[in-house]
Amino acid sequence: MDGRTKEKEKDGERWTAAIANLTETASNLDSLQRLLIKKAVYVDGDTFAKASLSSEQARTIKVLEQRVETLERELDNAISAAARARTEKRQAEGAQKAAELRALEITKELENTTKVFELHMEELRAKQEEILKRDKEIKLLEAIIQTLGGRGSLSPQG
């Protein structure tokens, strides 16, 4: 029986504490109500509507200001991106011009090499023609020598 009695006592203490909390809360609400009545400003419906409109407009202005700030940041980012793109474009154009100049330089070098090669080929052809001409002259001279040599060998025997 002692266990049941102790439980009933605990339950009673809990209820007493809960009622005390509710009483204190009621007292606080009464104090707050009295304070609001003393400090509250009562206005007519028209004034309240104007105040509400002003309050709504202030909230709208704040939202719009935040949107403007966001758009300004986006614009700054876009301007920075455009500047970077222009810089990259100038660098690419510079690299392209350098590549074009190098291509022209290589083309001129190839043309000059081709001209030199053509000159060497002409010189080689001319020398080859000269060699062929001299070779024919040598063969002619050999034929003459053989002909004269053959006569010379016939005359001493005779």
C-alpha atoms as a PDB file:
ATOM      1  CA  MET A   1       0.000   0.000   0.000  1.00  0.00           C
ATOM      2  CA  ASP A   2       2.899   2.344   0.534  1.00  0.00           C
ATOM      3  CA  GLY A   3       3.685   2.238  -3.262  1.00  0.00           C
ATOM      4  CA  ARG A   4       0.170   3.389  -4.133  1.00  0.00           C
ATOM      5  CA  THR A   5       0.231   6.139  -1.613  1.00  0.00           C
ATOM      6  CA  LYS A   6       3.554   7.428  -2.894  1.00  0.00           C
ATOM      7  CA  GLU A   7       2.252   7.440  -6.464  1.00  0.00           C
ATOM      8  CA  LYS A   8      -0.862   9.370  -5.422  1.00  0.00           C
ATOM      9  CA  GLU A   9       1.313  11.892  -3.626  1.00  0.00           C
ATOM     10  CA  LYS A  10       3.527  12.329  -6.721  1.00  0.00           C
ATOM     11  CA  ASP A  11       0.470  12.758  -8.924  1.00  0.00           C
ATOM     12  CA  GLY A  12      -0.904  15.343  -6.514  1.00  0.00           C
ATOM     13  CA  GLU A  13       2.381  17.253  -6.540  1.00  0.00           C
ATOM     14  CA  ARG A  14       2.401  17.264 -10.320  1.00  0.00           C
ATOM     15  CA  TRP A  15      -1.146  18.612 -10.470  1.00  0.00           C
ATOM     16  CA  THR A  16      -0.325  21.274  -7.925  1.00  0.00           C
ATOM     17  CA  ALA A  17       2.744  22.367  -9.944  1.00  0.00           C
ATOM     18  CA  ALA A  18       0.711  22.421 -13.169  1.00  0.00           C
ATOM     19  CA  ILE A  19      -2.033  24.543 -11.542  1.00  0.00           C
ATOM     20  CA  ALA A  20       0.631  26.928 -10.190  1.00  0.00           C
ATOM     21  CA  ASN A  21       2.098  27.275 -13.707  1.00  0.00           C
ATOM     22  CA  LEU A  22      -1.328  27.989 -15.157  1.00  0.00           C
ATOM     23  CA  THR A  23      -2.050  30.585 -12.460  1.00  0.00           C
ATOM     24  CA  GLU A  24       1.293  32.326 -13.153  1.00  0.00           C
ATOM     25  CA  THR A  25       0.615  32.274 -16.910  1.00  0.00           C
ATOM     26  CA  ALA A  26      -2.841  33.797 -16.357  1.00  0.00           C
ATOM     27  CA  SER A  27      -1.266  36.531 -14.235  1.00  0.00           C
ATOM     28  CA  ASN A  28       1.313  37.244 -16.937  1.00  0.00           C
ATOM     29  CA  LEU A  29      -1.422  37.456 -19.567  1.00  0.00           C
ATOM     30  CA  ASP A  30      -3.388  39.927 -17.420  1.00  0.00           C
ATOM     31  CA  SER A  31      -0.266  42.101 -17.011  1.00  0.00           C
ATOM     32  CA  LEU A  32       0.398  41.984 -20.728  1.00  0.00           C
ATOM     33  CA  GLN A  33      -3.220  42.901 -21.478  1.00  0.00           C
ATOM     34  CA  ARG A  34      -3.065  45.889 -19.136  1.00  0.00           C
ATOM     35  CA  LEU A  35       0.227  47.008 -20.705  1.00  0.00           C
ATOM     36  CA  LEU A  36      -1.204  46.740 -24.228  1.00  0.00           C
ATOM     37  CA  ILE A  37      -4.277  48.732 -23.245  1.00  0.00           C
ATOM     38  CA  LYS A  38      -2.110  51.530 -21.826  1.00  0.00           C
ATOM     39  CA  LYS A  39       0.366  51.597 -24.759  1.00  0.00           C
ATOM     40  CA  ALA A  40      -1.911  50.713 -27.675  1.00  0.00           C
ATOM     41  CA  VAL A  41      -2.826  53.324 -30.252  1.00  0.00           C
ATOM     42  CA  TYR A  42      -6.293  53.083 -31.657  1.00  0.00           C
ATOM     43  CA  VAL A  43      -6.876  54.360 -35.176  1.00  0.00           C
ATOM     44  CA  ASP A  44      -9.808  54.453 -37.485  1.00  0.00           C
ATOM     45  CA  GLY A  45     -10.116  52.054 -40.455  1.00  0.00           C
ATOM     46  CA  ASP A  46      -8.914  54.568 -43.034  1.00  0.00           C
ATOM     47  CA  THR A  47      -5.735  55.347 -41.092  1.00  0.00           C
ATOM     48  CA  PHE A  48      -5.139  51.634 -40.528  1.00  0.00           C
ATOM     49  CA  ALA A  49      -5.594  50.936 -44.256  1.00  0.00           C
ATOM     50  CA  LYS A  50      -3.094  53.680 -45.133  1.00  0.00           C
ATOM     51  CA  ALA A  51      -0.630  52.348 -42.561  1.00  0.00           C
ATOM     52  CA  SER A  52      -1.092  48.822 -43.906  1.00  0.00           C
ATOM     53  CA  LEU A  53      -0.555  50.077 -47.447  1.00  0.00           C
ATOM     54  CA  SER A  54       2.593  51.938 -46.366  1.00  0.00           C
ATOM     55  CA  SER A  55       3.847  48.850 -44.599  1.00  0.00           C
ATOM     56  CA  GLU A  56       3.165  46.694 -47.671  1.00  0.00           C
ATOM     57  CA  GLN A  57       4.869  49.259 -49.891  1.00  0.00           C
ATOM     58  CA  ALA A  58       7.893  49.291 -47.560  1.00  0.00           C
ATOM     59  CA  ARG A  59       8.119  45.487 -47.798  1.00  0.00           C
ATOM     60  CA  THR A  60       7.778  45.695 -51.600  1.00  0.00           C
ATOM     61  CA  ILE A  61      10.481  48.366 -51.750  1.00  0.00           C
ATOM     62  CA  LYS A  62      12.786  46.213 -49.648  1.00  0.00           C
ATOM     63  CA  VAL A  63      12.200  43.206 -51.935  1.00  0.00           C
ATOM     64  CA  LEU A  64      12.778  45.378 -55.004  1.00  0.00           C
ATOM     65  CA  GLU A  65      15.980  46.814 -53.508  1.00  0.00           C
ATOM     66  CA  GLN A  66      17.244  43.274 -52.919  1.00  0.00           C
ATOM     67  CA  ARG A  67      16.340  42.394 -56.511  1.00  0.00           C
ATOM     68  CA  VAL A  68      18.209  45.480 -57.751  1.00  0.00           C
ATOM     69  CA  GLU A  69      21.271  44.452 -55.733  1.00  0.00           C
ATOM     70  CA  THR A  70      21.078  40.950 -57.188  1.00  0.00           C
ATOM     71  CA  LEU A  71      20.748  42.324 -60.715  1.00  0.00           C
ATOM     72  CA  GLU A  72      23.676  44.686 -60.103  1.00  0.00           C
ATOM     73  CA  ARG A  73      25.843  41.732 -59.008  1.00  0.00           C
ATOM     74  CA  GLU A  74      24.741  39.774 -62.081  1.00  0.00           C
ATOM     75  CA  LEU A  75      25.524  42.777 -64.282  1.00  0.00           C
ATOM     76  CA  ASP A  76      28.968  43.151 -62.695  1.00  0.00           C
ATOM     77  CA  ASN A  77      29.606  39.453 -63.294  1.00  0.00           C
ATOM     78  CA  ALA A  78      28.449  39.774 -66.909  1.00  0.00           C
ATOM     79  CA  ILE A  79      30.690  42.814 -67.454  1.00  0.00           C
ATOM     80  CA  SER A  80      33.645  40.945 -65.972  1.00  0.00           C
ATOM     81  CA  ALA A  81      32.902  37.914 -68.157  1.00  0.00           C
ATOM     82  CA  ALA A  82      32.671  40.140 -71.236  1.00  0.00           C
ATOM     83  CA  ALA A  83      36.005  41.771 -70.371  1.00  0.00           C
ATOM     84  CA  ARG A  84      37.596  38.341 -69.949  1.00  0.00           C
ATOM     85  CA  ALA A  85      36.082  37.237 -73.264  1.00  0.00           C
ATOM     86  CA  ARG A  86      37.461  40.346 -75.006  1.00  0.00           C
ATOM     87  CA  THR A  87      40.893  39.693 -73.528  1.00  0.00           C
ATOM     88  CA  GLU A  88      40.780  36.067 -74.614  1.00  0.00           C
ATOM     89  CA  LYS A  89      39.604  37.143 -78.073  1.00  0.00           C
ATOM     90  CA  ARG A  90      42.503  39.599 -78.388  1.00  0.00           C
ATOM     91  CA  GLN A  91      44.917  36.881 -77.308  1.00  0.00           C
ATOM     92  CA  ALA A  92      43.405  34.443 -79.799  1.00  0.00           C
ATOM     93  CA  GLU A  93      43.582  37.046 -82.562  1.00  0.00           C
ATOM     94  CA  GLY A  94      47.219  37.726 -81.687  1.00  0.00           C
ATOM     95  CA  ALA A  95      47.990  34.022 -81.763  1.00  0.00           C
ATOM     96  CA  GLN A  96      46.159  33.706 -85.090  1.00  0.00           C
ATOM     97  CA  LYS A  97      48.131  36.611 -86.579  1.00  0.00           C
ATOM     98  CA  ALA A  98      51.365  35.083 -85.337  1.00  0.00           C
ATOM     99  CA  ALA A  99      50.365  31.746 -86.887  1.00  0.00           C
ATOM    100  CA  GLU A 100      49.452  33.462 -90.163  1.00  0.00           C
ATOM    101  CA  LEU A 101      52.783  35.315 -90.222  1.00  0.00           C
ATOM    102  CA  ARG A 102      54.600  32.064 -89.517  1.00  0.00           C
ATOM    103  CA  ALA A 103      52.645  30.364 -92.314  1.00  0.00           C
ATOM    104  CA  LEU A 104      53.587  33.195 -94.703  1.00  0.00           C
ATOM    105  CA  GLU A 105      57.197  32.946 -93.613  1.00  0.00           C
ATOM    106  CA  ILE A 106      57.221  29.188 -94.193  1.00  0.00           C
ATOM    107  CA  THR A 107      55.490  29.656 -97.560  1.00  0.00           C
ATOM    108  CA  LYS A 108      58.113  32.190 -98.643  1.00  0.00           C
ATOM    109  CA  GLU A 109      60.847  29.884 -97.433  1.00  0.00           C
ATOM    110  CA  LEU A 110      59.333  27.025 -99.454  1.00  0.00           C
ATOM    111  CA  GLU A 111      59.043  29.252-102.525  1.00  0.00           C
ATOM    112  CA  ASN A 112      62.676  30.312-102.167  1.00  0.00           C
ATOM    113  CA  THR A 113      63.725  26.701-101.695  1.00  0.00           C
ATOM    114  CA  THR A 114      61.735  25.773-104.804  1.00  0.00           C
ATOM    115  CA  LYS A 115      63.443  28.530-106.807  1.00  0.00           C
ATOM    116  CA  VAL A 116      66.865  27.405-105.598  1.00  0.00           C
ATOM    117  CA  PHE A 117      65.966  23.821-106.452  1.00  0.00           C
ATOM    118  CA  GLU A 118      64.831  24.873-109.956  1.00  0.00           C
ATOM    119  CA  LEU A 119      68.088  26.770-110.476  1.00  0.00           C
ATOM    120  CA  HIS A 120      70.091  23.736-109.371  1.00  0.00           C
ATOM    121  CA  MET A 121      68.044  21.531-111.700  1.00  0.00           C
ATOM    122  CA  GLU A 122      68.707  23.887-114.631  1.00  0.00           C
ATOM    123  CA  GLU A 123      72.399  23.903-113.767  1.00  0.00           C
ATOM    124  CA  LEU A 124      72.419  20.098-113.545  1.00  0.00           C
ATOM    125  CA  ARG A 125      70.636  19.799-116.910  1.00  0.00           C
ATOM    126  CA  ALA A 126      73.094  22.212-118.478  1.00  0.00           C
ATOM    127  CA  LYS A 127      76.032  20.225-117.088  1.00  0.00           C
ATOM    128  CA  GLN A 128      74.433  16.978-118.205  1.00  0.00           C
ATOM    129  CA  GLU A 129      73.998  18.397-121.717  1.00  0.00           C
ATOM    130  CA  GLU A 130      77.615  19.551-121.651  1.00  0.00           C
ATOM    131  CA  ILE A 131      78.720  16.098-120.486  1.00  0.00           C
ATOM    132  CA  LEU A 132      76.680  14.457-123.285  1.00  0.00           C
ATOM    133  CA  LYS A 133      78.151  16.888-125.820  1.00  0.00           C
ATOM    134  CA  ARG A 134      81.695  16.200-124.630  1.00  0.00           C
ATOM    135  CA  ASP A 135      80.974  12.493-124.519  1.00  0.00           C
ATOM    136  CA  LYS A 136      79.920  12.678-128.195  1.00  0.00           C
ATOM    137  CA  GLU A 137      83.065  14.689-128.968  1.00  0.00           C
ATOM    138  CA  ILE A 138      85.190  12.097-127.165  1.00  0.00           C
ATOM    139  CA  LYS A 139      83.543   9.283-129.106  1.00  0.00           C
ATOM    140  CA  LEU A 140      84.129  11.213-132.340  1.00  0.00           C
ATOM    141  CA  LEU A 141      87.728  11.821-131.412  1.00  0.00           C
ATOM    142  CA  GLU A 142      88.152   8.145-130.496  1.00  0.00           C
ATOM    143  CA  ALA A 143      86.682   7.177-133.866  1.00  0.00           C
ATOM    144  CA  ILE A 144      89.056   9.594-135.604  1.00  0.00           C
ATOM    145  CA  ILE A 145      91.973   8.240-133.572  1.00  0.00           C
ATOM    146  CA  GLN A 146      91.048   4.692-134.455  1.00  0.00           C
ATOM    147  CA  THR A 147      90.679   5.612-138.079  1.00  0.00           C
ATOM    148  CA  LEU A 148      93.993   7.445-138.090  1.00  0.00           C
ATOM    149  CA  GLY A 149      95.570   4.756-135.995  1.00  0.00           C
ATOM    150  CA  GLY A 150      94.443   2.144-138.433  1.00  0.00           C
ATOM    151  CA  ARG A 151      95.977   4.058-141.352  1.00  0.00           C
ATOM    152  CA  GLY A 152      99.141   4.675-139.461  1.00  0.00           C
ATOM    153  CA  SER A 153      99.552   1.017-138.786  1.00  0.00           C
ATOM    154  CA  LEU A 154      98.963   0.247-142.495  1.00  0.00           C
ATOM    155  CA  SER A 155     101.466   2.787-143.760  1.00  0.00           C
ATOM    156  CA  PRO A 156     104.537   1.560-141.913  1.00  0.00           C
ATOM    157  CA  GLN A 157     104.008  -1.947-143.208  1.00  0.00           C
ATOM    158  CA  GLY A 158     103.740  -0.925-146.786  1.00  0.00           C
END
